[in-house]
């Protein structure tokens, strides 16, 4: 069963793919929560492109140069990380 959300921590930031709410045939690609584009119709193809270092935007291609991203989408997390809150005394 296909998830509606995937993420991968690159060590330099979080790549995420999520179903577009307005047009569910497309996937929103975000880096650290910032929308990059919504051109993918298949998360497997997106993961494959990211594995090859092709993010579709020059500054991100440069930032994540030589960073490993698995081409197999099943190796990505299927839920958002919970943010840790530290109580201040």
PDB file of N, CA and C in Angstrom:
ATOM      1  N   UNK A   1       0.832  -1.184   0.000  1.00  0.00           N
ATOM      2  CA  UNK A   1       0.000   0.000   0.000  1.00  0.00           C
ATOM      3  C   UNK A   1       0.878   1.250   0.000  1.00  0.00           C
ATOM      4  N   UNK A   2       0.551   2.181  -0.839  1.00  0.00           N
ATOM      5  CA  UNK A   2       1.320   3.409  -0.972  1.00  0.00           C
ATOM      6  C   UNK A   2       0.996   4.371   0.172  1.00  0.00           C
ATOM      7  N   UNK A   3       2.030   4.937   0.750  1.00  0.00           N
ATOM      8  CA  UNK A   3       1.866   5.934   1.802  1.00  0.00           C
ATOM      9  C   UNK A   3       1.490   7.276   1.173  1.00  0.00           C
ATOM     10  N   UNK A   4       1.024   8.206   1.994  1.00  0.00           N
ATOM     11  CA  UNK A   4       0.732   9.563   1.514  1.00  0.00           C
ATOM     12  C   UNK A   4       1.861  10.520   1.859  1.00  0.00           C
ATOM     13  N   UNK A   5       2.879  10.011   2.561  1.00  0.00           N
ATOM     14  CA  UNK A   5       3.986  10.850   2.992  1.00  0.00           C
ATOM     15  C   UNK A   5       5.251  10.007   3.112  1.00  0.00           C
ATOM     16  N   UNK A   6       6.368  10.578   2.651  1.00  0.00           N
ATOM     17  CA  UNK A   6       7.683   9.947   2.792  1.00  0.00           C
ATOM     18  C   UNK A   6       8.679  11.036   3.159  1.00  0.00           C
ATOM     19  N   UNK A   7       9.688  10.680   3.953  1.00  0.00           N
ATOM     20  CA  UNK A   7      10.757  11.633   4.228  1.00  0.00           C
ATOM     21  C   UNK A   7      12.072  10.903   4.401  1.00  0.00           C
ATOM     22  N   UNK A   8      13.148  11.648   4.122  1.00  0.00           N
ATOM     23  CA  UNK A   8      14.491  11.112   4.306  1.00  0.00           C
ATOM     24  C   UNK A   8      15.377  12.219   4.841  1.00  0.00           C
ATOM     25  N   UNK A   9      16.103  11.915   5.921  1.00  0.00           N
ATOM     26  CA  UNK A   9      17.034  12.869   6.517  1.00  0.00           C
ATOM     27  C   UNK A   9      18.382  12.722   5.820  1.00  0.00           C
ATOM     28  N   UNK A  10      18.795  13.749   5.098  1.00  0.00           N
ATOM     29  CA  UNK A  10      20.048  13.710   4.348  1.00  0.00           C
ATOM     30  C   UNK A  10      21.251  14.041   5.218  1.00  0.00           C
ATOM     31  N   UNK A  11      21.016  14.520   6.421  1.00  0.00           N
ATOM     32  CA  UNK A  11      22.104  15.028   7.252  1.00  0.00           C
ATOM     33  C   UNK A  11      22.300  16.518   7.022  1.00  0.00           C
ATOM     34  N   UNK A  12      21.800  17.015   5.913  1.00  0.00           N
ATOM     35  CA  UNK A  12      21.849  18.452   5.614  1.00  0.00           C
ATOM     36  C   UNK A  12      20.445  19.030   5.573  1.00  0.00           C
ATOM     37  N   UNK A  13      19.465  18.191   5.825  1.00  0.00           N
ATOM     38  CA  UNK A  13      18.077  18.627   5.810  1.00  0.00           C
ATOM     39  C   UNK A  13      17.162  17.459   5.480  1.00  0.00           C
ATOM     40  N   UNK A  14      15.870  17.703   5.607  1.00  0.00           N
ATOM     41  CA  UNK A  14      14.860  16.677   5.377  1.00  0.00           C
ATOM     42  C   UNK A  14      14.238  16.840   3.994  1.00  0.00           C
ATOM     43  N   UNK A  15      14.330  15.771   3.196  1.00  0.00           N
ATOM     44  CA  UNK A  15      13.601  15.708   1.929  1.00  0.00           C
ATOM     45  C   UNK A  15      12.270  15.043   2.227  1.00  0.00           C
ATOM     46  N   UNK A  16      11.185  15.574   1.698  1.00  0.00           N
ATOM     47  CA  UNK A  16       9.898  14.925   1.912  1.00  0.00           C
ATOM     48  C   UNK A  16       9.059  14.962   0.635  1.00  0.00           C
ATOM     49  N   UNK A  17       8.242  13.948   0.521  1.00  0.00           N
ATOM     50  CA  UNK A  17       7.265  13.831  -0.563  1.00  0.00           C
ATOM     51  C   UNK A  17       5.920  13.576   0.090  1.00  0.00           C
ATOM     52  N   UNK A  18       4.924  14.357  -0.297  1.00  0.00           N
ATOM     53  CA  UNK A  18       3.584  14.153   0.243  1.00  0.00           C
ATOM     54  C   UNK A  18       2.556  14.378  -0.863  1.00  0.00           C
ATOM     55  N   UNK A  19       1.437  13.657  -0.756  1.00  0.00           N
ATOM     56  CA  UNK A  19       0.362  13.821  -1.734  1.00  0.00           C
ATOM     57  C   UNK A  19      -0.100  15.269  -1.727  1.00  0.00           C
ATOM     58  N   UNK A  20      -0.232  15.845  -2.909  1.00  0.00           N
ATOM     59  CA  UNK A  20      -0.747  17.202  -3.036  1.00  0.00           C
ATOM     60  C   UNK A  20      -2.235  17.172  -2.695  1.00  0.00           C
ATOM     61  N   UNK A  21      -2.649  18.038  -1.780  1.00  0.00           N
ATOM     62  CA  UNK A  21      -4.041  18.032  -1.319  1.00  0.00           C
ATOM     63  C   UNK A  21      -5.017  18.554  -2.359  1.00  0.00           C
ATOM     64  N   UNK A  22      -4.575  19.451  -3.209  1.00  0.00           N
ATOM     65  CA  UNK A  22      -5.455  20.019  -4.244  1.00  0.00           C
ATOM     66  C   UNK A  22      -5.547  19.126  -5.474  1.00  0.00           C
ATOM     67  N   UNK A  23      -4.465  18.434  -5.761  1.00  0.00           N
ATOM     68  CA  UNK A  23      -4.404  17.569  -6.942  1.00  0.00           C
ATOM     69  C   UNK A  23      -3.699  16.274  -6.537  1.00  0.00           C
ATOM     70  N   UNK A  24      -4.444  15.296  -5.987  1.00  0.00           N
ATOM     71  CA  UNK A  24      -3.832  14.104  -5.410  1.00  0.00           C
ATOM     72  C   UNK A  24      -3.081  13.203  -6.385  1.00  0.00           C
ATOM     73  N   UNK A  25      -3.107  13.511  -7.669  1.00  0.00           N
ATOM     74  CA  UNK A  25      -2.313  12.755  -8.627  1.00  0.00           C
ATOM     75  C   UNK A  25      -0.848  13.184  -8.627  1.00  0.00           C
ATOM     76  N   UNK A  26      -0.542  14.269  -7.908  1.00  0.00           N
ATOM     77  CA  UNK A  26       0.812  14.809  -7.859  1.00  0.00           C
ATOM     78  C   UNK A  26       1.346  14.787  -6.432  1.00  0.00           C
ATOM     79  N   UNK A  27       2.664  14.839  -6.329  1.00  0.00           N
ATOM     80  CA  UNK A  27       3.356  14.802  -5.049  1.00  0.00           C
ATOM     81  C   UNK A  27       4.097  16.108  -4.832  1.00  0.00           C
ATOM     82  N   UNK A  28       3.981  16.664  -3.628  1.00  0.00           N
ATOM     83  CA  UNK A  28       4.730  17.861  -3.251  1.00  0.00           C
ATOM     84  C   UNK A  28       6.108  17.431  -2.761  1.00  0.00           C
ATOM     85  N   UNK A  29       7.133  18.021  -3.339  1.00  0.00           N
ATOM     86  CA  UNK A  29       8.511  17.762  -2.930  1.00  0.00           C
ATOM     87  C   UNK A  29       8.966  18.954  -2.103  1.00  0.00           C
ATOM     88  N   UNK A  30       9.360  18.691  -0.867  1.00  0.00           N
ATOM     89  CA  UNK A  30       9.809  19.760   0.037  1.00  0.00           C
ATOM     90  C   UNK A  30      11.210  19.461   0.568  1.00  0.00           C
ATOM     91  N   UNK A  31      11.939  20.520   0.861  1.00  0.00           N
ATOM     92  CA  UNK A  31      13.222  20.425   1.547  1.00  0.00           C
ATOM     93  C   UNK A  31      13.116  21.267   2.807  1.00  0.00           C
ATOM     94  N   UNK A  32      13.257  20.620   3.962  1.00  0.00           N
ATOM     95  CA  UNK A  32      13.092  21.293   5.256  1.00  0.00           C
ATOM     96  C   UNK A  32      11.764  22.050   5.346  1.00  0.00           C
ATOM     97  N   UNK A  33      10.713  21.448   4.810  1.00  0.00           N
ATOM     98  CA  UNK A  33       9.385  22.037   4.887  1.00  0.00           C
ATOM     99  C   UNK A  33       9.080  23.079   3.824  1.00  0.00           C
ATOM    100  N   UNK A  34      10.062  23.459   3.014  1.00  0.00           N
ATOM    101  CA  UNK A  34       9.848  24.445   1.957  1.00  0.00           C
ATOM    102  C   UNK A  34       9.490  23.730   0.660  1.00  0.00           C
ATOM    103  N   UNK A  35       8.347  24.084   0.088  1.00  0.00           N
ATOM    104  CA  UNK A  35       7.914  23.467  -1.163  1.00  0.00           C
ATOM    105  C   UNK A  35       8.893  23.805  -2.284  1.00  0.00           C
ATOM    106  N   UNK A  36       9.384  22.771  -2.959  1.00  0.00           N
ATOM    107  CA  UNK A  36      10.291  22.955  -4.088  1.00  0.00           C
ATOM    108  C   UNK A  36       9.499  22.888  -5.389  1.00  0.00           C
ATOM    109  N   UNK A  37       8.715  21.821  -5.550  1.00  0.00           N
ATOM    110  CA  UNK A  37       7.819  21.711  -6.694  1.00  0.00           C
ATOM    111  C   UNK A  37       6.843  20.559  -6.500  1.00  0.00           C
ATOM    112  N   UNK A  38       5.864  20.495  -7.380  1.00  0.00           N
ATOM    113  CA  UNK A  38       4.825  19.453  -7.324  1.00  0.00           C
ATOM    114  C   UNK A  38       4.692  18.752  -8.669  1.00  0.00           C
ATOM    115  N   UNK A  39       5.793  18.416  -9.291  1.00  0.00           N
ATOM    116  CA  UNK A  39       5.748  17.861 -10.644  1.00  0.00           C
ATOM    117  C   UNK A  39       5.694  16.336 -10.692  1.00  0.00           C
ATOM    118  N   UNK A  40       6.021  15.664  -9.592  1.00  0.00           N
ATOM    119  CA  UNK A  40       6.073  14.201  -9.631  1.00  0.00           C
ATOM    120  C   UNK A  40       4.694  13.570  -9.512  1.00  0.00           C
ATOM    121  N   UNK A  41       4.466  12.527 -10.294  1.00  0.00           N
ATOM    122  CA  UNK A  41       3.240  11.740 -10.188  1.00  0.00           C
ATOM    123  C   UNK A  41       3.525  10.384  -9.550  1.00  0.00           C
ATOM    124  N   UNK A  42       4.801  10.090  -9.312  1.00  0.00           N
ATOM    125  CA  UNK A  42       5.204   8.795  -8.771  1.00  0.00           C
ATOM    126  C   UNK A  42       6.345   8.998  -7.765  1.00  0.00           C
ATOM    127  N   UNK A  43       6.130   8.652  -6.493  1.00  0.00           N
ATOM    128  CA  UNK A  43       7.198   8.841  -5.508  1.00  0.00           C
ATOM    129  C   UNK A  43       8.426   7.976  -5.797  1.00  0.00           C
ATOM    130  N   UNK A  44       8.240   6.831  -6.439  1.00  0.00           N
ATOM    131  CA  UNK A  44       9.386   5.982  -6.797  1.00  0.00           C
ATOM    132  C   UNK A  44      10.303   6.698  -7.778  1.00  0.00           C
ATOM    133  N   UNK A  45       9.715   7.404  -8.740  1.00  0.00           N
ATOM    134  CA  UNK A  45      10.520   8.148  -9.717  1.00  0.00           C
ATOM    135  C   UNK A  45      11.257   9.294  -9.037  1.00  0.00           C
ATOM    136  N   UNK A  46      10.589   9.951  -8.104  1.00  0.00           N
ATOM    137  CA  UNK A  46      11.229  11.042  -7.360  1.00  0.00           C
ATOM    138  C   UNK A  46      12.441  10.515  -6.585  1.00  0.00           C
ATOM    139  N   UNK A  47      12.268   9.420  -5.866  1.00  0.00           N
ATOM    140  CA  UNK A  47      13.376   8.840  -5.099  1.00  0.00           C
ATOM    141  C   UNK A  47      14.523   8.455  -6.030  1.00  0.00           C
ATOM    142  N   UNK A  48      14.204   7.906  -7.191  1.00  0.00           N
ATOM    143  CA  UNK A  48      15.233   7.537  -8.170  1.00  0.00           C
ATOM    144  C   UNK A  48      16.011   8.782  -8.619  1.00  0.00           C
ATOM    145  N   UNK A  49      15.282   9.860  -8.956  1.00  0.00           N
ATOM    146  CA  UNK A  49      15.939  11.101  -9.387  1.00  0.00           C
ATOM    147  C   UNK A  49      16.812  11.677  -8.275  1.00  0.00           C
ATOM    148  N   UNK A  50      16.305  11.654  -7.033  1.00  0.00           N
ATOM    149  CA  UNK A  50      17.066  12.208  -5.916  1.00  0.00           C
ATOM    150  C   UNK A  50      18.320  11.389  -5.672  1.00  0.00           C
ATOM    151  N   UNK A  51      18.240  10.077  -5.853  1.00  0.00           N
ATOM    152  CA  UNK A  51      19.402   9.208  -5.717  1.00  0.00           C
ATOM    153  C   UNK A  51      20.482   9.597  -6.721  1.00  0.00           C
ATOM    154  N   UNK A  52      20.082  10.061  -7.884  1.00  0.00           N
ATOM    155  CA  UNK A  52      21.022  10.490  -8.925  1.00  0.00           C
ATOM    156  C   UNK A  52      21.486  11.932  -8.723  1.00  0.00           C
ATOM    157  N   UNK A  53      20.965  12.600  -7.681  1.00  0.00           N
ATOM    158  CA  UNK A  53      21.362  13.983  -7.412  1.00  0.00           C
ATOM    159  C   UNK A  53      20.617  14.993  -8.253  1.00  0.00           C
ATOM    160  N   UNK A  54      19.474  14.594  -8.828  1.00  0.00           N
ATOM    161  CA  UNK A  54      18.691  15.493  -9.672  1.00  0.00           C
ATOM    162  C   UNK A  54      17.445  15.928  -8.917  1.00  0.00           C
ATOM    163  N   UNK A  55      17.520  17.126  -8.314  1.00  0.00           N
ATOM    164  CA  UNK A  55      16.400  17.647  -7.537  1.00  0.00           C
ATOM    165  C   UNK A  55      15.570  18.646  -8.336  1.00  0.00           C
ATOM    166  N   UNK A  56      16.055  19.013  -9.510  1.00  0.00           N
ATOM    167  CA  UNK A  56      15.309  19.924 -10.375  1.00  0.00           C
ATOM    168  C   UNK A  56      15.483  21.396 -10.042  1.00  0.00           C
ATOM    169  N   UNK A  57      16.417  21.694  -9.155  1.00  0.00           N
ATOM    170  CA  UNK A  57      16.677  23.085  -8.794  1.00  0.00           C
ATOM    171  C   UNK A  57      18.171  23.206  -8.454  1.00  0.00           C
ATOM    172  N   UNK A  58      18.835  24.146  -9.088  1.00  0.00           N
ATOM    173  CA  UNK A  58      20.296  24.229  -9.019  1.00  0.00           C
ATOM    174  C   UNK A  58      20.856  24.347  -7.605  1.00  0.00           C
ATOM    175  N   UNK A  59      20.311  25.242  -6.773  1.00  0.00           N
ATOM    176  CA  UNK A  59      20.886  25.436  -5.443  1.00  0.00           C
ATOM    177  C   UNK A  59      20.783  24.170  -4.595  1.00  0.00           C
ATOM    178  N   UNK A  60      19.706  23.389  -4.796  1.00  0.00           N
ATOM    179  CA  UNK A  60      19.550  22.160  -4.023  1.00  0.00           C
ATOM    180  C   UNK A  60      20.453  21.061  -4.567  1.00  0.00           C
ATOM    181  N   UNK A  61      20.613  21.022  -5.900  1.00  0.00           N
ATOM    182  CA  UNK A  61      21.564  20.071  -6.495  1.00  0.00           C
ATOM    183  C   UNK A  61      22.956  20.297  -5.906  1.00  0.00           C
ATOM    184  N   UNK A  62      23.346  21.567  -5.734  1.00  0.00           N
ATOM    185  CA  UNK A  62      24.654  21.912  -5.189  1.00  0.00           C
ATOM    186  C   UNK A  62      24.732  21.587  -3.699  1.00  0.00           C
ATOM    187  N   UNK A  63      23.707  21.962  -2.940  1.00  0.00           N
ATOM    188  CA  UNK A  63      23.701  21.736  -1.487  1.00  0.00           C
ATOM    189  C   UNK A  63      23.793  20.253  -1.142  1.00  0.00           C
ATOM    190  N   UNK A  64      23.104  19.408  -1.905  1.00  0.00           N
ATOM    191  CA  UNK A  64      23.056  17.979  -1.603  1.00  0.00           C
ATOM    192  C   UNK A  64      23.981  17.150  -2.491  1.00  0.00           C
ATOM    193  N   UNK A  65      24.943  17.815  -3.130  1.00  0.00           N
ATOM    194  CA  UNK A  65      25.917  17.120  -3.957  1.00  0.00           C
ATOM    195  C   UNK A  65      26.642  16.055  -3.133  1.00  0.00           C
ATOM    196  N   UNK A  66      26.711  14.846  -3.641  1.00  0.00           N
ATOM    197  CA  UNK A  66      27.404  13.709  -3.014  1.00  0.00           C
ATOM    198  C   UNK A  66      26.753  13.225  -1.718  1.00  0.00           C
ATOM    199  N   UNK A  67      25.496  13.568  -1.493  1.00  0.00           N
ATOM    200  CA  UNK A  67      24.748  13.073  -0.332  1.00  0.00           C
ATOM    201  C   UNK A  67      23.932  11.865  -0.791  1.00  0.00           C
ATOM    202  N   UNK A  68      24.029  10.772  -0.036  1.00  0.00           N
ATOM    203  CA  UNK A  68      23.287   9.559  -0.395  1.00  0.00           C
ATOM    204  C   UNK A  68      21.804   9.706  -0.058  1.00  0.00           C
ATOM    205  N   UNK A  69      20.975   9.416  -1.049  1.00  0.00           N
ATOM    206  CA  UNK A  69      19.525   9.329  -0.877  1.00  0.00           C
ATOM    207  C   UNK A  69      19.105   8.004  -1.489  1.00  0.00           C
ATOM    208  N   UNK A  70      18.428   7.131  -0.743  1.00  0.00           N
ATOM    209  CA  UNK A  70      18.056   5.828  -1.297  1.00  0.00           C
ATOM    210  C   UNK A  70      17.076   5.961  -2.457  1.00  0.00           C
ATOM    211  N   UNK A  71      17.324   5.206  -3.508  1.00  0.00           N
ATOM    212  CA  UNK A  71      16.417   5.213  -4.658  1.00  0.00           C
ATOM    213  C   UNK A  71      15.169   4.382  -4.393  1.00  0.00           C
ATOM    214  N   UNK A  72      15.217   3.532  -3.372  1.00  0.00           N
ATOM    215  CA  UNK A  72      14.074   2.692  -3.005  1.00  0.00           C
ATOM    216  C   UNK A  72      13.216   3.455  -1.987  1.00  0.00           C
ATOM    217  N   UNK A  73      12.041   3.895  -2.409  1.00  0.00           N
ATOM    218  CA  UNK A  73      11.166   4.711  -1.556  1.00  0.00           C
ATOM    219  C   UNK A  73      10.763   3.975  -0.283  1.00  0.00           C
ATOM    220  N   UNK A  74      10.811   2.652  -0.295  1.00  0.00           N
ATOM    221  CA  UNK A  74      10.438   1.903   0.910  1.00  0.00           C
ATOM    222  C   UNK A  74      11.454   2.077   2.035  1.00  0.00           C
ATOM    223  N   UNK A  75      12.628   2.629   1.733  1.00  0.00           N
ATOM    224  CA  UNK A  75      13.640   2.894   2.755  1.00  0.00           C
ATOM    225  C   UNK A  75      13.463   4.278   3.391  1.00  0.00           C
ATOM    226  N   UNK A  76      12.528   5.059   2.878  1.00  0.00           N
ATOM    227  CA  UNK A  76      12.226   6.370   3.443  1.00  0.00           C
ATOM    228  C   UNK A  76      11.233   6.201   4.590  1.00  0.00           C
ATOM    229  N   UNK A  77      11.253   7.118   5.558  1.00  0.00           N
ATOM    230  CA  UNK A  77      10.256   7.102   6.640  1.00  0.00           C
ATOM    231  C   UNK A  77       8.880   7.385   6.040  1.00  0.00           C
ATOM    232  N   UNK A  78       7.845   6.811   6.649  1.00  0.00           N
ATOM    233  CA  UNK A  78       6.479   7.011   6.163  1.00  0.00           C
ATOM    234  C   UNK A  78       5.656   7.907   7.082  1.00  0.00           C
ATOM    235  N   UNK A  79       6.318   8.557   8.021  1.00  0.00           N
ATOM    236  CA  UNK A  79       5.629   9.482   8.912  1.00  0.00           C
ATOM    237  C   UNK A  79       6.576  10.618   9.273  1.00  0.00           C
ATOM    238  N   UNK A  80       5.987  11.755   9.614  1.00  0.00           N
ATOM    239  CA  UNK A  80       6.807  12.905   9.994  1.00  0.00           C
ATOM    240  C   UNK A  80       7.462  12.639  11.333  1.00  0.00           C
ATOM    241  N   UNK A  81       8.673  13.150  11.482  1.00  0.00           N
ATOM    242  CA  UNK A  81       9.366  13.051  12.763  1.00  0.00           C
ATOM    243  C   UNK A  81       8.621  13.904  13.782  1.00  0.00           C
ATOM    244  N   UNK A  82       8.545  13.410  14.969  1.00  0.00           N
ATOM    245  CA  UNK A  82       7.944  14.179  16.043  1.00  0.00           C
ATOM    246  C   UNK A  82       9.002  15.150  16.551  1.00  0.00           C
ATOM    247  N   UNK A  83       8.632  16.396  16.693  1.00  0.00           N
ATOM    248  CA  UNK A  83       9.602  17.349  17.226  1.00  0.00           C
ATOM    249  C   UNK A  83       9.709  17.149  18.740  1.00  0.00           C
ATOM    250  N   UNK A  84      10.909  17.240  19.222  1.00  0.00           N
ATOM    251  CA  UNK A  84      11.149  17.058  20.649  1.00  0.00           C
ATOM    252  C   UNK A  84      11.010  18.409  21.351  1.00  0.00           C
ATOM    253  N   UNK A  85      10.213  18.406  22.380  1.00  0.00           N
ATOM    254  CA  UNK A  85      10.038  19.637  23.144  1.00  0.00           C
ATOM    255  C   UNK A  85      10.724  19.469  24.490  1.00  0.00           C
ATOM    256  N   UNK A  86      11.531  20.428  24.845  1.00  0.00           N
ATOM    257  CA  UNK A  86      12.229  20.401  26.117  1.00  0.00           C
ATOM    258  C   UNK A  86      11.561  21.409  27.035  1.00  0.00           C
ATOM    259  N   UNK A  87      11.126  20.925  28.148  1.00  0.00           N
ATOM    260  CA  UNK A  87      10.476  21.829  29.123  1.00  0.00           C
ATOM    261  C   UNK A  87      11.548  22.672  29.807  1.00  0.00           C
ATOM    262  N   UNK A  88      11.300  23.953  29.880  1.00  0.00           N
ATOM    263  CA  UNK A  88      12.260  24.827  30.567  1.00  0.00           C
ATOM    264  C   UNK A  88      11.785  25.007  32.010  1.00  0.00           C
ATOM    265  N   UNK A  89      12.741  25.012  32.896  1.00  0.00           N
ATOM    266  CA  UNK A  89      12.422  25.146  34.327  1.00  0.00           C
ATOM    267  C   UNK A  89      12.515  26.573  34.767  1.00  0.00           C
TER     268      UNK A  89
END
